[in-house]
């Protein structure tokens, strides 16, 4: 079987050998790996089963301001701190949802289509599962524009305006997904962090009111096209699993063993939801030996492989604190 076929078999809850695996790297971690191996092409030689790129506004470095990047939405990201891959918003563009003049940008559709074409052009040669990702696709896009605290307060103080605002974000990404669905992808990946170490950032009721309807629109477009839906969210999102399954989610990432009782989650949801992750970037990979990593991979495999539904992977893009060994 091809790698694509093995991933699809796992997503269809059929046992596979080998187990599909994947890994991503932050820019710093990849630089460390290349320096350690002496191979500038090492990432392409790892044999991973997934191939995807992710849109979150194409941040471009501002001339004359090293470390500052501006994305299509107008958000300026400061990457001069520890997080050099994403950074932190330098300022917020919306202060008050009851009185603001911000307008969503017109996406660079030509650039997006060029990326789609390049990704799907070699599908005959590349046997990986190919998908396109839309990061900062709902809650994260909201807080990047107006601040985390402001979004959460607005959910309570001005619910009508907040609902309308999330609808505008949904409209924006629905348009992008419509374009992506013109191309020969196997799935569509959405990135949006909803969880803390324990529980949801905004709480279940607010997630259902503001975020679920928009994500439901996006999922439906993908499922109606016959493609697989993948969702990234860091943190504890177990309260959402029934809703996500009902909405049509195929695979949840990232499945963190320090957050979830992975045995219990597999028992309850493993026949309806696939899990991508399992190898902790919080409590395992930065701290243990290569042999201990192998032992942990076996533990995760034994916990989650029965009945398919597993893409084994680090629980996040590998960061600079993970030794390249």
Protein backbone atom coordinates (compact mmCIF):
# COMPACT_ATOMS: atom_id res chain seq x y z
CA UNK A 1 0.00 0.00 0.00
CA UNK A 2 1.05 3.60 -0.53
CA UNK A 3 1.48 5.97 2.39
CA UNK A 4 -1.74 7.71 1.32
CA UNK A 5 -3.64 4.42 1.39
CA UNK A 6 -2.25 3.58 4.82
CA UNK A 7 -3.35 6.97 6.24
CA UNK A 8 -6.82 6.58 4.72
CA UNK A 9 -7.08 3.08 6.13
CA UNK A 10 -6.21 4.44 9.58
CA UNK A 11 -8.78 7.24 9.22
CA UNK A 12 -11.37 4.61 8.28
CA UNK A 13 -10.58 2.78 11.55
CA UNK A 14 -8.91 -0.19 9.95
CA UNK A 15 -5.72 -1.58 11.44
CA UNK A 16 -2.56 -0.93 9.48
CA UNK A 17 1.00 -2.10 9.42
CA UNK A 18 3.04 -0.01 9.51
CA UNK A 19 1.38 2.70 11.58
CA UNK A 20 1.38 6.05 9.73
CA UNK A 21 3.60 8.64 11.38
CA UNK A 22 4.42 12.29 10.99
CA UNK A 23 6.62 15.00 12.45
CA UNK A 24 6.92 18.75 12.00
CA UNK A 25 9.71 21.08 13.05
CA UNK A 26 9.86 24.67 14.11
CA UNK A 27 12.47 26.64 12.20
CA UNK A 28 14.94 26.45 15.10
CA UNK A 29 14.47 22.72 15.61
CA UNK A 30 15.02 22.00 11.91
CA UNK A 31 18.19 24.08 11.94
CA UNK A 32 19.41 22.02 14.91
CA UNK A 33 18.60 18.76 13.13
CA UNK A 34 20.40 19.83 9.96
CA UNK A 35 23.45 20.89 11.96
CA UNK A 36 23.43 17.58 13.87
CA UNK A 37 23.10 15.37 10.78
CA UNK A 38 25.02 17.57 8.36
CA UNK A 39 22.25 16.91 5.85
CA UNK A 40 20.31 19.95 4.58
CA UNK A 41 17.70 17.62 3.06
CA UNK A 42 17.16 15.48 6.16
CA UNK A 43 13.51 16.51 6.59
CA UNK A 44 12.59 15.10 3.17
CA UNK A 45 14.23 11.76 4.04
CA UNK A 46 12.27 10.97 7.21
CA UNK A 47 9.52 9.05 5.39
CA UNK A 48 6.58 10.83 7.00
CA UNK A 49 3.08 10.00 5.76
CA UNK A 50 1.49 13.45 5.60
CA UNK A 51 2.24 16.40 3.35
CA UNK A 52 0.62 19.73 4.08
CA UNK A 53 1.20 23.44 4.12
CA UNK A 54 -0.72 25.88 6.25
CA UNK A 55 -2.13 29.32 5.58
CA UNK A 56 -2.32 31.84 8.37
CA UNK A 57 -1.87 35.10 6.55
CA UNK A 58 1.64 34.83 5.07
CA UNK A 59 3.51 37.07 7.55
CA UNK A 60 6.19 39.06 5.73
CA UNK A 61 9.12 40.74 7.46
CA UNK A 62 8.73 44.50 7.65
CA UNK A 63 11.62 46.31 5.92
CA UNK A 64 13.85 48.05 8.43
CA UNK A 65 12.28 46.22 11.42
CA UNK A 66 14.15 42.94 11.94
CA UNK A 67 12.02 40.31 13.64
CA UNK A 68 8.69 42.05 12.93
CA UNK A 69 6.30 40.45 10.44
CA UNK A 70 3.00 41.71 9.07
CA UNK A 71 0.35 39.28 7.85
CA UNK A 72 -2.48 39.74 5.33
CA UNK A 73 -4.88 40.69 8.13
CA UNK A 74 -2.68 43.62 9.15
CA UNK A 75 -1.44 41.97 12.36
CA UNK A 76 2.22 42.69 13.18
CA UNK A 77 3.98 39.75 14.83
CA UNK A 78 7.05 40.26 17.00
CA UNK A 79 9.35 37.26 16.64
CA UNK A 80 12.25 38.63 18.65
CA UNK A 81 11.35 36.59 21.73
CA UNK A 82 11.59 32.86 22.38
CA UNK A 83 8.90 32.04 19.81
CA UNK A 84 10.61 32.87 16.53
CA UNK A 85 8.19 30.86 14.40
CA UNK A 86 4.92 32.62 15.18
CA UNK A 87 5.68 35.38 17.64
CA UNK A 88 3.26 37.64 19.49
CA UNK A 89 1.02 40.39 18.12
CA UNK A 90 2.67 43.76 18.58
CA UNK A 91 -0.68 45.53 18.83
CA UNK A 92 -4.36 44.75 18.30
CA UNK A 93 -6.44 46.22 15.49
CA UNK A 94 -9.88 46.07 17.12
CA UNK A 95 -10.60 47.52 20.54
CA UNK A 96 -14.39 47.48 20.69
CA UNK A 97 -16.69 45.20 18.69
CA UNK A 98 -19.52 47.67 19.21
CA UNK A 99 -17.56 50.41 17.44
CA UNK A 100 -14.85 49.41 14.98
CA UNK A 101 -13.99 50.03 11.35
CA UNK A 102 -11.73 47.05 10.63
CA UNK A 103 -12.41 45.30 7.31
CA UNK A 104 -11.24 41.82 6.46
CA UNK A 105 -8.66 41.74 3.66
CA UNK A 106 -9.04 40.33 0.20
CA UNK A 107 -6.93 37.19 0.13
CA UNK A 108 -4.15 36.94 -2.44
CA UNK A 109 -6.04 34.30 -4.40
CA UNK A 110 -3.38 34.00 -7.12
CA UNK A 111 -0.76 33.14 -4.51
CA UNK A 112 -3.07 30.67 -2.83
CA UNK A 113 -3.89 28.91 -6.10
CA UNK A 114 -0.21 28.72 -7.01
CA UNK A 115 0.46 26.97 -3.70
CA UNK A 116 -2.43 24.55 -4.28
CA UNK A 117 -1.20 23.77 -7.79
CA UNK A 118 2.35 23.13 -6.66
CA UNK A 119 1.21 20.82 -3.87
CA UNK A 120 -1.09 18.70 -6.02
CA UNK A 121 0.93 18.70 -9.27
CA UNK A 122 3.14 15.76 -8.28
CA UNK A 123 0.46 13.63 -6.69
CA UNK A 124 1.31 10.83 -9.13
CA UNK A 125 4.87 10.77 -7.74
CA UNK A 126 4.23 11.71 -4.11
CA UNK A 127 2.35 8.91 -2.39
CA UNK A 128 1.76 10.79 0.88
CA UNK A 129 -1.63 11.92 2.18
CA UNK A 130 -1.85 15.51 0.91
CA UNK A 131 -3.91 18.19 2.62
CA UNK A 132 -4.02 21.93 2.96
CA UNK A 133 -4.20 23.62 6.32
CA UNK A 134 -5.93 26.77 7.47
CA UNK A 135 -4.38 27.94 10.72
CA UNK A 136 -5.74 30.63 13.06
CA UNK A 137 -9.04 29.71 11.48
CA UNK A 138 -11.51 30.98 14.09
CA UNK A 139 -10.78 31.75 17.75
CA UNK A 140 -7.10 32.39 17.13
CA UNK A 141 -7.90 34.76 14.28
CA UNK A 142 -10.28 36.61 16.59
CA UNK A 143 -7.74 37.07 19.39
CA UNK A 144 -4.93 37.95 16.99
CA UNK A 145 -7.08 40.87 15.83
CA UNK A 146 -8.45 42.04 19.18
CA UNK A 147 -6.64 40.28 22.03
CA UNK A 148 -7.51 37.17 24.04
CA UNK A 149 -9.02 38.99 27.02
CA UNK A 150 -11.06 41.28 24.76
CA UNK A 151 -12.54 38.35 22.80
CA UNK A 152 -13.51 36.49 25.96
CA UNK A 153 -15.06 39.56 27.56
CA UNK A 154 -16.93 40.40 24.35
CA UNK A 155 -18.57 36.97 24.40
CA UNK A 156 -20.37 38.17 27.53
CA UNK A 157 -20.66 41.95 27.13
CA UNK A 158 -21.72 42.19 23.46
CA UNK A 159 -22.87 38.74 22.29
CA UNK A 160 -24.64 39.91 19.12
CA UNK A 161 -21.60 41.80 17.84
CA UNK A 162 -19.31 38.92 18.78
CA UNK A 163 -21.51 36.43 16.93
CA UNK A 164 -21.46 38.69 13.87
CA UNK A 165 -17.66 39.01 14.10
CA UNK A 166 -17.16 35.24 14.18
CA UNK A 167 -19.51 35.02 11.21
CA UNK A 168 -17.19 37.33 9.26
CA UNK A 169 -14.22 35.11 10.09
CA UNK A 170 -16.27 32.09 8.99
CA UNK A 171 -17.16 33.82 5.70
CA UNK A 172 -13.50 34.56 5.05
CA UNK A 173 -12.36 30.99 5.56
CA UNK A 174 -15.35 29.47 3.74
CA UNK A 175 -14.17 31.34 0.65
CA UNK A 176 -10.64 29.97 1.00
CA UNK A 177 -11.91 26.43 1.55
CA UNK A 178 -14.08 26.69 -1.55
CA UNK A 179 -10.97 27.47 -3.57
CA UNK A 180 -8.98 24.63 -1.98
CA UNK A 181 -11.75 22.16 -2.82
CA UNK A 182 -11.18 22.81 -6.52
CA UNK A 183 -7.87 20.96 -6.18
CA UNK A 184 -6.97 17.32 -5.68
CA UNK A 185 -6.37 17.23 -1.93
CA UNK A 186 -7.08 14.22 0.27
CA UNK A 187 -8.15 16.30 3.24
CA UNK A 188 -8.37 19.77 4.76
CA UNK A 189 -6.72 20.64 8.06
CA UNK A 190 -7.92 23.36 10.42
CA UNK A 191 -5.76 24.83 13.16
CA UNK A 192 -7.35 26.67 16.09
CA UNK A 193 -6.31 26.34 19.73
CA UNK A 194 -9.29 25.99 22.06
CA UNK A 195 -7.87 24.16 25.08
CA UNK A 196 -5.89 24.83 28.21
CA UNK A 197 -4.05 22.14 30.15
CA UNK A 198 -7.40 21.51 31.84
CA UNK A 199 -10.57 22.44 30.02
CA UNK A 200 -11.48 24.93 27.33
CA UNK A 201 -10.27 28.52 27.18
CA UNK A 202 -13.73 29.94 26.50
CA UNK A 203 -15.85 27.19 28.08
CA UNK A 204 -18.16 24.74 26.36
CA UNK A 205 -21.23 26.99 26.12
CA UNK A 206 -19.34 29.85 24.46
CA UNK A 207 -17.54 27.46 22.12
CA UNK A 208 -20.89 26.02 21.03
CA UNK A 209 -22.44 29.46 20.58
CA UNK A 210 -19.69 31.32 18.74
CA UNK A 211 -17.23 28.83 17.27
CA UNK A 212 -19.11 25.63 16.53
CA UNK A 213 -21.52 27.10 13.93
CA UNK A 214 -18.63 28.47 11.89
CA UNK A 215 -16.50 25.33 12.10
CA UNK A 216 -19.59 23.32 11.18
CA UNK A 217 -19.87 25.34 7.95
CA UNK A 218 -16.23 24.64 7.12
CA UNK A 219 -16.41 20.92 7.95
CA UNK A 220 -19.56 20.49 5.85
CA UNK A 221 -17.92 21.91 2.76
CA UNK A 222 -15.04 19.45 3.11
CA UNK A 223 -17.22 16.43 3.88
CA UNK A 224 -19.65 17.23 1.06
CA UNK A 225 -16.66 17.10 -1.29
CA UNK A 226 -15.75 13.65 0.04
CA UNK A 227 -12.51 14.76 1.73
CA UNK A 228 -11.26 14.09 5.25
CA UNK A 229 -11.44 16.76 7.97
CA UNK A 230 -8.49 17.16 10.36
CA UNK A 231 -8.57 19.52 13.35
CA UNK A 232 -5.64 20.79 15.38
CA UNK A 233 -6.19 22.19 18.82
CA UNK A 234 -3.70 22.18 21.65
CA UNK A 235 -4.94 21.52 25.16
CA UNK A 236 -7.81 19.67 26.78
CA UNK A 237 -10.73 19.53 24.32
CA UNK A 238 -12.35 16.29 25.50
CA UNK A 239 -15.67 18.12 26.13
CA UNK A 240 -15.84 18.83 22.41
CA UNK A 241 -15.27 15.32 21.09
CA UNK A 242 -19.00 14.42 20.82
CA UNK A 243 -19.70 17.71 19.02
CA UNK A 244 -16.70 17.33 16.70
CA UNK A 245 -17.74 13.81 15.77
CA UNK A 246 -21.30 14.97 15.14
CA UNK A 247 -19.92 17.78 12.91
CA UNK A 248 -18.00 15.28 10.80
CA UNK A 249 -14.44 15.47 12.12
CA UNK A 250 -12.29 12.52 11.06
CA UNK A 251 -9.06 13.15 12.97
CA UNK A 252 -8.13 15.18 16.04
CA UNK A 253 -4.65 16.55 16.57
CA UNK A 254 -2.91 16.99 18.91
CA UNK A 255 -3.51 14.09 21.25
CA UNK A 256 -1.48 14.94 24.37
CA UNK A 257 -0.91 12.13 26.91
CA UNK A 258 -0.25 14.66 29.68
CA UNK A 259 -3.70 16.16 29.04
CA UNK A 260 -5.86 13.14 28.19
CA UNK A 261 -6.41 9.73 29.67
CA UNK A 262 -5.51 8.25 26.30
CA UNK A 263 -6.81 4.78 27.19
CA UNK A 264 -10.20 6.16 28.20
CA UNK A 265 -10.46 8.46 25.17
CA UNK A 266 -9.61 5.56 22.87
CA UNK A 267 -12.23 3.38 24.53
CA UNK A 268 -14.98 6.01 24.29
CA UNK A 269 -14.26 7.63 20.93
CA UNK A 270 -11.74 5.43 19.14
CA UNK A 271 -14.27 3.85 16.78
CA UNK A 272 -15.46 7.27 15.53
CA UNK A 273 -12.50 9.61 15.88
CA UNK A 274 -8.89 9.12 14.80
CA UNK A 275 -6.05 10.52 16.89
CA UNK A 276 -2.90 12.18 15.55
CA UNK A 277 -0.11 12.69 18.07
CA UNK A 278 0.64 10.84 21.29
CA UNK A 279 4.37 11.51 21.81
CA UNK A 280 4.58 14.40 24.24
CA UNK A 281 6.57 17.51 23.37
CA UNK A 282 5.93 18.79 26.90
CA UNK A 283 7.01 15.94 29.13
CA UNK A 284 8.84 13.43 26.92
CA UNK A 285 10.83 14.61 23.92
CA UNK A 286 12.77 17.54 25.48
CA UNK A 287 13.90 15.48 28.48
CA UNK A 288 14.45 11.77 27.74
CA UNK A 289 16.99 9.64 25.90
CA UNK A 290 16.46 8.24 22.39
CA UNK A 291 15.90 4.77 23.90
CA UNK A 292 13.22 6.15 26.22
CA UNK A 293 11.55 7.77 23.22
CA UNK A 294 11.39 4.34 21.56
CA UNK A 295 9.83 2.88 24.70
CA UNK A 296 7.21 5.66 24.78
CA UNK A 297 6.40 5.13 21.10
CA UNK A 298 5.70 1.47 21.83
CA UNK A 299 3.46 2.43 24.77
CA UNK A 300 1.43 4.85 22.64
CA UNK A 301 1.21 2.30 19.84
CA UNK A 302 -0.11 -0.39 22.17
CA UNK A 303 -2.62 2.02 23.70
CA UNK A 304 -4.05 3.40 20.48
CA UNK A 305 -3.46 1.17 17.44
CA UNK A 306 -6.26 -1.37 17.93
CA UNK A 307 -9.00 -0.85 15.39
CA UNK A 308 -6.98 1.71 13.45
CA UNK A 309 -7.41 5.43 13.98
CA UNK A 310 -3.82 6.33 14.87
CA UNK A 311 -1.30 8.64 13.21
CA UNK A 312 1.59 8.55 15.65
CA UNK A 313 3.51 11.79 15.96
CA UNK A 314 4.95 14.33 18.37
CA UNK A 315 2.12 16.32 19.91
CA UNK A 316 3.34 19.56 18.36
CA UNK A 317 5.93 20.76 15.88
CA UNK A 318 9.26 19.91 17.48
CA UNK A 319 10.66 22.99 19.21
CA UNK A 320 14.23 24.13 19.79
CA UNK A 321 14.35 22.38 23.18
CA UNK A 322 14.08 18.86 21.68
CA UNK A 323 17.56 17.36 21.24
CA UNK A 324 18.11 16.35 17.59
CA UNK A 325 19.17 12.84 18.66
